[in-house]
Amino acid sequence: MMNQFNVPIMIAISRKSFSSRLFDLDKADDRLIPTLLFETLMTVFGGSLIRTHDVKETKMLIDAYEEIKSEL
């Protein structure tokens, strides 16, 4: 989807406040799951650079996605 521009697309969703409003979350620490969800979705849509506060968790999720994406 986003790769139609033929340039790297940066994803910068990490712990943004919109997920607090969307899911009624109080603390920034509670935003990890929505952050991972949206980062993965944007990766599926063609994002190739991820700016994140949660490097370990994001890498784990992207690695897991790469392992299973051919099955989807």
PDB file of N, CA and C in Angstrom:
ATOM      1  N   MET A   1       0.812  -1.184   0.000  1.00  0.00           N
ATOM      2  CA  MET A   1       0.000   0.000   0.000  1.00  0.00           C
ATOM      3  C   MET A   1       0.867   1.264   0.000  1.00  0.00           C
ATOM      4  N   MET A   2       1.639   1.445   1.065  1.00  0.00           N
ATOM      5  CA  MET A   2       2.459   2.645   1.169  1.00  0.00           C
ATOM      6  C   MET A   2       3.700   2.570   0.286  1.00  0.00           C
ATOM      7  N   ASN A   3       4.075   1.360  -0.139  1.00  0.00           N
ATOM      8  CA  ASN A   3       5.303   1.226  -0.919  1.00  0.00           C
ATOM      9  C   ASN A   3       5.148   1.708  -2.362  1.00  0.00           C
ATOM     10  N   GLN A   4       3.993   2.205  -2.739  1.00  0.00           N
ATOM     11  CA  GLN A   4       3.788   2.761  -4.073  1.00  0.00           C
ATOM     12  C   GLN A   4       4.640   4.006  -4.301  1.00  0.00           C
ATOM     13  N   PHE A   5       5.145   4.609  -3.223  1.00  0.00           N
ATOM     14  CA  PHE A   5       5.946   5.821  -3.334  1.00  0.00           C
ATOM     15  C   PHE A   5       7.417   5.529  -3.645  1.00  0.00           C
ATOM     16  N   ASN A   6       7.834   4.258  -3.532  1.00  0.00           N
ATOM     17  CA  ASN A   6       9.209   3.841  -3.793  1.00  0.00           C
ATOM     18  C   ASN A   6      10.245   4.569  -2.938  1.00  0.00           C
ATOM     19  N   VAL A   7       9.872   4.866  -1.711  1.00  0.00           N
ATOM     20  CA  VAL A   7      10.800   5.446  -0.739  1.00  0.00           C
ATOM     21  C   VAL A   7      10.567   4.732   0.594  1.00  0.00           C
ATOM     22  N   PRO A   8      11.585   4.678   1.462  1.00  0.00           N
ATOM     23  CA  PRO A   8      11.359   4.078   2.783  1.00  0.00           C
ATOM     24  C   PRO A   8      10.315   4.883   3.555  1.00  0.00           C
ATOM     25  N   ILE A   9       9.439   4.194   4.237  1.00  0.00           N
ATOM     26  CA  ILE A   9       8.395   4.827   5.029  1.00  0.00           C
ATOM     27  C   ILE A   9       8.703   4.598   6.508  1.00  0.00           C
ATOM     28  N   MET A  10       8.806   5.684   7.281  1.00  0.00           N
ATOM     29  CA  MET A  10       9.069   5.571   8.708  1.00  0.00           C
ATOM     30  C   MET A  10       7.768   5.499   9.483  1.00  0.00           C
ATOM     31  N   ILE A  11       7.744   4.578  10.438  1.00  0.00           N
ATOM     32  CA  ILE A  11       6.619   4.417  11.346  1.00  0.00           C
ATOM     33  C   ILE A  11       7.045   4.997  12.693  1.00  0.00           C
ATOM     34  N   ALA A  12       6.280   5.918  13.224  1.00  0.00           N
ATOM     35  CA  ALA A  12       6.600   6.537  14.516  1.00  0.00           C
ATOM     36  C   ALA A  12       5.334   6.615  15.359  1.00  0.00           C
ATOM     37  N   ILE A  13       4.880   5.455  15.809  1.00  0.00           N
ATOM     38  CA  ILE A  13       3.630   5.354  16.549  1.00  0.00           C
ATOM     39  C   ILE A  13       3.883   5.158  18.037  1.00  0.00           C
ATOM     40  N   SER A  14       5.077   4.871  18.425  1.00  0.00           N
ATOM     41  CA  SER A  14       5.422   4.415  19.770  1.00  0.00           C
ATOM     42  C   SER A  14       4.788   5.236  20.882  1.00  0.00           C
ATOM     43  N   ARG A  15       3.869   4.585  21.582  1.00  0.00           N
ATOM     44  CA  ARG A  15       3.223   5.129  22.794  1.00  0.00           C
ATOM     45  C   ARG A  15       2.532   6.477  22.592  1.00  0.00           C
ATOM     46  N   LYS A  16       2.008   6.703  21.403  1.00  0.00           N
ATOM     47  CA  LYS A  16       1.310   7.959  21.120  1.00  0.00           C
ATOM     48  C   LYS A  16       0.010   8.039  21.927  1.00  0.00           C
ATOM     49  N   SER A  17      -0.393   9.250  22.249  1.00  0.00           N
ATOM     50  CA  SER A  17      -1.556   9.450  23.119  1.00  0.00           C
ATOM     51  C   SER A  17      -2.878   9.061  22.463  1.00  0.00           C
ATOM     52  N   PHE A  18      -2.918   8.961  21.138  1.00  0.00           N
ATOM     53  CA  PHE A  18      -4.192   8.582  20.512  1.00  0.00           C
ATOM     54  C   PHE A  18      -4.630   7.197  20.969  1.00  0.00           C
ATOM     55  N   SER A  19      -3.666   6.316  21.270  1.00  0.00           N
ATOM     56  CA  SER A  19      -4.059   4.986  21.746  1.00  0.00           C
ATOM     57  C   SER A  19      -4.651   5.054  23.152  1.00  0.00           C
ATOM     58  N   SER A  20      -4.232   6.032  23.951  1.00  0.00           N
ATOM     59  CA  SER A  20      -4.845   6.222  25.271  1.00  0.00           C
ATOM     60  C   SER A  20      -6.307   6.597  25.131  1.00  0.00           C
ATOM     61  N   ARG A  21      -6.576   7.498  24.198  1.00  0.00           N
ATOM     62  CA  ARG A  21      -7.965   7.919  23.982  1.00  0.00           C
ATOM     63  C   ARG A  21      -8.782   6.799  23.330  1.00  0.00           C
ATOM     64  N   LEU A  22      -8.184   6.097  22.401  1.00  0.00           N
ATOM     65  CA  LEU A  22      -8.889   5.041  21.668  1.00  0.00           C
ATOM     66  C   LEU A  22      -9.264   3.877  22.581  1.00  0.00           C
ATOM     67  N   PHE A  23      -8.353   3.510  23.489  1.00  0.00           N
ATOM     68  CA  PHE A  23      -8.564   2.347  24.347  1.00  0.00           C
ATOM     69  C   PHE A  23      -8.764   2.706  25.823  1.00  0.00           C
ATOM     70  N   ASP A  24      -8.932   3.987  26.133  1.00  0.00           N
ATOM     71  CA  ASP A  24      -9.159   4.453  27.493  1.00  0.00           C
ATOM     72  C   ASP A  24      -8.063   3.967  28.448  1.00  0.00           C
ATOM     73  N   LEU A  25      -6.816   4.269  28.106  1.00  0.00           N
ATOM     74  CA  LEU A  25      -5.661   3.871  28.904  1.00  0.00           C
ATOM     75  C   LEU A  25      -5.150   5.063  29.695  1.00  0.00           C
ATOM     76  N   ASP A  26      -4.718   4.813  30.924  1.00  0.00           N
ATOM     77  CA  ASP A  26      -4.284   5.897  31.796  1.00  0.00           C
ATOM     78  C   ASP A  26      -2.794   6.217  31.693  1.00  0.00           C
ATOM     79  N   LYS A  27      -1.950   5.189  31.611  1.00  0.00           N
ATOM     80  CA  LYS A  27      -0.502   5.395  31.681  1.00  0.00           C
ATOM     81  C   LYS A  27       0.171   5.055  30.352  1.00  0.00           C
ATOM     82  N   ALA A  28       1.324   5.675  30.127  1.00  0.00           N
ATOM     83  CA  ALA A  28       2.103   5.397  28.914  1.00  0.00           C
ATOM     84  C   ALA A  28       2.506   3.926  28.852  1.00  0.00           C
ATOM     85  N   ASP A  29       2.787   3.317  30.003  1.00  0.00           N
ATOM     86  CA  ASP A  29       3.169   1.899  30.017  1.00  0.00           C
ATOM     87  C   ASP A  29       2.049   0.999  29.499  1.00  0.00           C
ATOM     88  N   ASP A  30       0.819   1.460  29.626  1.00  0.00           N
ATOM     89  CA  ASP A  30      -0.323   0.680  29.146  1.00  0.00           C
ATOM     90  C   ASP A  30      -0.450   0.714  27.621  1.00  0.00           C
ATOM     91  N   ARG A  31       0.328   1.543  26.968  1.00  0.00           N
ATOM     92  CA  ARG A  31       0.206   1.718  25.515  1.00  0.00           C
ATOM     93  C   ARG A  31       1.061   0.739  24.709  1.00  0.00           C
ATOM     94  N   LEU A  32       1.774  -0.173  25.363  1.00  0.00           N
ATOM     95  CA  LEU A  32       2.663  -1.091  24.645  1.00  0.00           C
ATOM     96  C   LEU A  32       1.898  -1.950  23.640  1.00  0.00           C
ATOM     97  N   ILE A  33       0.832  -2.594  24.058  1.00  0.00           N
ATOM     98  CA  ILE A  33       0.097  -3.499  23.159  1.00  0.00           C
ATOM     99  C   ILE A  33      -0.483  -2.735  21.963  1.00  0.00           C
ATOM    100  N   PRO A  34      -1.167  -1.599  22.162  1.00  0.00           N
ATOM    101  CA  PRO A  34      -1.630  -0.857  20.982  1.00  0.00           C
ATOM    102  C   PRO A  34      -0.478  -0.397  20.084  1.00  0.00           C
ATOM    103  N   THR A  35       0.641  -0.006  20.689  1.00  0.00           N
ATOM    104  CA  THR A  35       1.804   0.400  19.893  1.00  0.00           C
ATOM    105  C   THR A  35       2.274  -0.746  19.011  1.00  0.00           C
ATOM    106  N   LEU A  36       2.420  -1.928  19.595  1.00  0.00           N
ATOM    107  CA  LEU A  36       2.874  -3.095  18.821  1.00  0.00           C
ATOM    108  C   LEU A  36       1.870  -3.459  17.725  1.00  0.00           C
ATOM    109  N   LEU A  37       0.608  -3.355  18.049  1.00  0.00           N
ATOM    110  CA  LEU A  37      -0.434  -3.635  17.059  1.00  0.00           C
ATOM    111  C   LEU A  37      -0.319  -2.705  15.855  1.00  0.00           C
ATOM    112  N   PHE A  38      -0.241  -1.404  16.112  1.00  0.00           N
ATOM    113  CA  PHE A  38      -0.191  -0.437  15.018  1.00  0.00           C
ATOM    114  C   PHE A  38       1.140  -0.488  14.264  1.00  0.00           C
ATOM    115  N   GLU A  39       2.255  -0.748  14.973  1.00  0.00           N
ATOM    116  CA  GLU A  39       3.539  -0.880  14.284  1.00  0.00           C
ATOM    117  C   GLU A  39       3.520  -2.072  13.330  1.00  0.00           C
ATOM    118  N   THR A  40       2.943  -3.164  13.774  1.00  0.00           N
ATOM    119  CA  THR A  40       2.848  -4.351  12.914  1.00  0.00           C
ATOM    120  C   THR A  40       1.956  -4.081  11.713  1.00  0.00           C
ATOM    121  N   LEU A  41       0.838  -3.449  11.951  1.00  0.00           N
ATOM    122  CA  LEU A  41      -0.077  -3.132  10.856  1.00  0.00           C
ATOM    123  C   LEU A  41       0.603  -2.244   9.819  1.00  0.00           C
ATOM    124  N   MET A  42       1.322  -1.235  10.271  1.00  0.00           N
ATOM    125  CA  MET A  42       2.017  -0.346   9.338  1.00  0.00           C
ATOM    126  C   MET A  42       3.151  -1.073   8.611  1.00  0.00           C
ATOM    127  N   THR A  43       3.780  -2.046   9.261  1.00  0.00           N
ATOM    128  CA  THR A  43       4.795  -2.864   8.601  1.00  0.00           C
ATOM    129  C   THR A  43       4.156  -3.700   7.494  1.00  0.00           C
ATOM    130  N   VAL A  44       3.000  -4.278   7.783  1.00  0.00           N
ATOM    131  CA  VAL A  44       2.270  -5.049   6.777  1.00  0.00           C
ATOM    132  C   VAL A  44       1.926  -4.168   5.577  1.00  0.00           C
ATOM    133  N   PHE A  45       1.569  -2.912   5.826  1.00  0.00           N
ATOM    134  CA  PHE A  45       1.203  -1.990   4.762  1.00  0.00           C
ATOM    135  C   PHE A  45       2.394  -1.375   4.038  1.00  0.00           C
ATOM    136  N   GLY A  46       3.613  -1.731   4.442  1.00  0.00           N
ATOM    137  CA  GLY A  46       4.780  -1.270   3.693  1.00  0.00           C
ATOM    138  C   GLY A  46       5.761  -0.388   4.430  1.00  0.00           C
ATOM    139  N   GLY A  47       5.505  -0.094   5.692  1.00  0.00           N
ATOM    140  CA  GLY A  47       6.471   0.684   6.462  1.00  0.00           C
ATOM    141  C   GLY A  47       7.763  -0.106   6.628  1.00  0.00           C
ATOM    142  N   SER A  48       8.892   0.572   6.575  1.00  0.00           N
ATOM    143  CA  SER A  48      10.160  -0.162   6.630  1.00  0.00           C
ATOM    144  C   SER A  48      11.115   0.335   7.708  1.00  0.00           C
ATOM    145  N   LEU A  49      10.858   1.483   8.285  1.00  0.00           N
ATOM    146  CA  LEU A  49      11.681   2.014   9.377  1.00  0.00           C
ATOM    147  C   LEU A  49      10.762   2.260  10.562  1.00  0.00           C
ATOM    148  N   ILE A  50      11.161   1.751  11.729  1.00  0.00           N
ATOM    149  CA  ILE A  50      10.317   1.923  12.910  1.00  0.00           C
ATOM    150  C   ILE A  50      11.087   2.701  13.965  1.00  0.00           C
ATOM    151  N   ARG A  51      10.505   3.807  14.397  1.00  0.00           N
ATOM    152  CA  ARG A  51      11.032   4.576  15.526  1.00  0.00           C
ATOM    153  C   ARG A  51      10.206   4.162  16.733  1.00  0.00           C
ATOM    154  N   THR A  52      10.866   3.573  17.724  1.00  0.00           N
ATOM    155  CA  THR A  52      10.130   3.023  18.856  1.00  0.00           C
ATOM    156  C   THR A  52      10.871   3.216  20.166  1.00  0.00           C
ATOM    157  N   HIS A  53      10.125   3.224  21.246  1.00  0.00           N
ATOM    158  CA  HIS A  53      10.699   3.229  22.591  1.00  0.00           C
ATOM    159  C   HIS A  53      10.918   1.799  23.068  1.00  0.00           C
ATOM    160  N   ASP A  54      10.247   0.854  22.450  1.00  0.00           N
ATOM    161  CA  ASP A  54      10.226  -0.539  22.901  1.00  0.00           C
ATOM    162  C   ASP A  54      10.922  -1.434  21.876  1.00  0.00           C
ATOM    163  N   VAL A  55      12.232  -1.280  21.786  1.00  0.00           N
ATOM    164  CA  VAL A  55      13.008  -1.951  20.737  1.00  0.00           C
ATOM    165  C   VAL A  55      12.898  -3.469  20.850  1.00  0.00           C
ATOM    166  N   LYS A  56      13.123  -4.013  22.021  1.00  0.00           N
ATOM    167  CA  LYS A  56      13.102  -5.469  22.199  1.00  0.00           C
ATOM    168  C   LYS A  56      11.746  -6.057  21.815  1.00  0.00           C
ATOM    169  N   GLU A  57      10.677  -5.476  22.341  1.00  0.00           N
ATOM    170  CA  GLU A  57       9.337  -5.994  22.072  1.00  0.00           C
ATOM    171  C   GLU A  57       8.955  -5.841  20.597  1.00  0.00           C
ATOM    172  N   THR A  58       9.316  -4.711  20.006  1.00  0.00           N
ATOM    173  CA  THR A  58       9.012  -4.484  18.593  1.00  0.00           C
ATOM    174  C   THR A  58       9.768  -5.474  17.720  1.00  0.00           C
ATOM    175  N   LYS A  59      11.043  -5.703  18.016  1.00  0.00           N
ATOM    176  CA  LYS A  59      11.831  -6.663  17.238  1.00  0.00           C
ATOM    177  C   LYS A  59      11.243  -8.060  17.366  1.00  0.00           C
ATOM    178  N   MET A  60      10.843  -8.449  18.570  1.00  0.00           N
ATOM    179  CA  MET A  60      10.238  -9.773  18.761  1.00  0.00           C
ATOM    180  C   MET A  60       8.981  -9.930  17.921  1.00  0.00           C
ATOM    181  N   LEU A  61       8.154  -8.907  17.908  1.00  0.00           N
ATOM    182  CA  LEU A  61       6.908  -8.985  17.157  1.00  0.00           C
ATOM    183  C   LEU A  61       7.159  -9.023  15.648  1.00  0.00           C
ATOM    184  N   ILE A  62       8.069  -8.182  15.168  1.00  0.00           N
ATOM    185  CA  ILE A  62       8.374  -8.172  13.737  1.00  0.00           C
ATOM    186  C   ILE A  62       9.004  -9.503  13.314  1.00  0.00           C
ATOM    187  N   ASP A  63       9.893 -10.037  14.139  1.00  0.00           N
ATOM    188  CA  ASP A  63      10.492 -11.350  13.834  1.00  0.00           C
ATOM    189  C   ASP A  63       9.416 -12.430  13.761  1.00  0.00           C
ATOM    190  N   ALA A  64       8.471 -12.414  14.707  1.00  0.00           N
ATOM    191  CA  ALA A  64       7.381 -13.394  14.692  1.00  0.00           C
ATOM    192  C   ALA A  64       6.531 -13.225  13.441  1.00  0.00           C
ATOM    193  N   TYR A  65       6.225 -11.996  13.092  1.00  0.00           N
ATOM    194  CA  TYR A  65       5.452 -11.739  11.872  1.00  0.00           C
ATOM    195  C   TYR A  65       6.187 -12.255  10.640  1.00  0.00           C
ATOM    196  N   GLU A  66       7.478 -11.994  10.547  1.00  0.00           N
ATOM    197  CA  GLU A  66       8.260 -12.467   9.390  1.00  0.00           C
ATOM    198  C   GLU A  66       8.226 -13.986   9.292  1.00  0.00           C
ATOM    199  N   GLU A  67       8.205 -14.675  10.417  1.00  0.00           N
ATOM    200  CA  GLU A  67       8.165 -16.139  10.422  1.00  0.00           C
ATOM    201  C   GLU A  67       6.833 -16.685   9.889  1.00  0.00           C
ATOM    202  N   ILE A  68       5.736 -15.993  10.186  1.00  0.00           N
ATOM    203  CA  ILE A  68       4.431 -16.543   9.820  1.00  0.00           C
ATOM    204  C   ILE A  68       3.786 -15.891   8.602  1.00  0.00           C
ATOM    205  N   LYS A  69       4.339 -14.822   8.079  1.00  0.00           N
ATOM    206  CA  LYS A  69       3.623 -14.083   7.030  1.00  0.00           C
ATOM    207  C   LYS A  69       3.381 -14.888   5.769  1.00  0.00           C
ATOM    208  N   SER A  70       4.243 -15.837   5.467  1.00  0.00           N
ATOM    209  CA  SER A  70       4.013 -16.646   4.262  1.00  0.00           C
ATOM    210  C   SER A  70       2.818 -17.580   4.444  1.00  0.00           C
ATOM    211  N   GLU A  71       2.420 -17.812   5.675  1.00  0.00           N
ATOM    212  CA  GLU A  71       1.261 -18.680   5.956  1.00  0.00           C
ATOM    213  C   GLU A  71      -0.055 -17.905   5.919  1.00  0.00           C
ATOM    214  N   LEU A  72       0.030 -16.590   5.907  1.00  0.00           N
ATOM    215  CA  LEU A  72      -1.199 -15.776   5.957  1.00  0.00           C
ATOM    216  C   LEU A  72      -1.834 -15.638   4.596  1.00  0.00           C
TER     217      LEU A  72
END
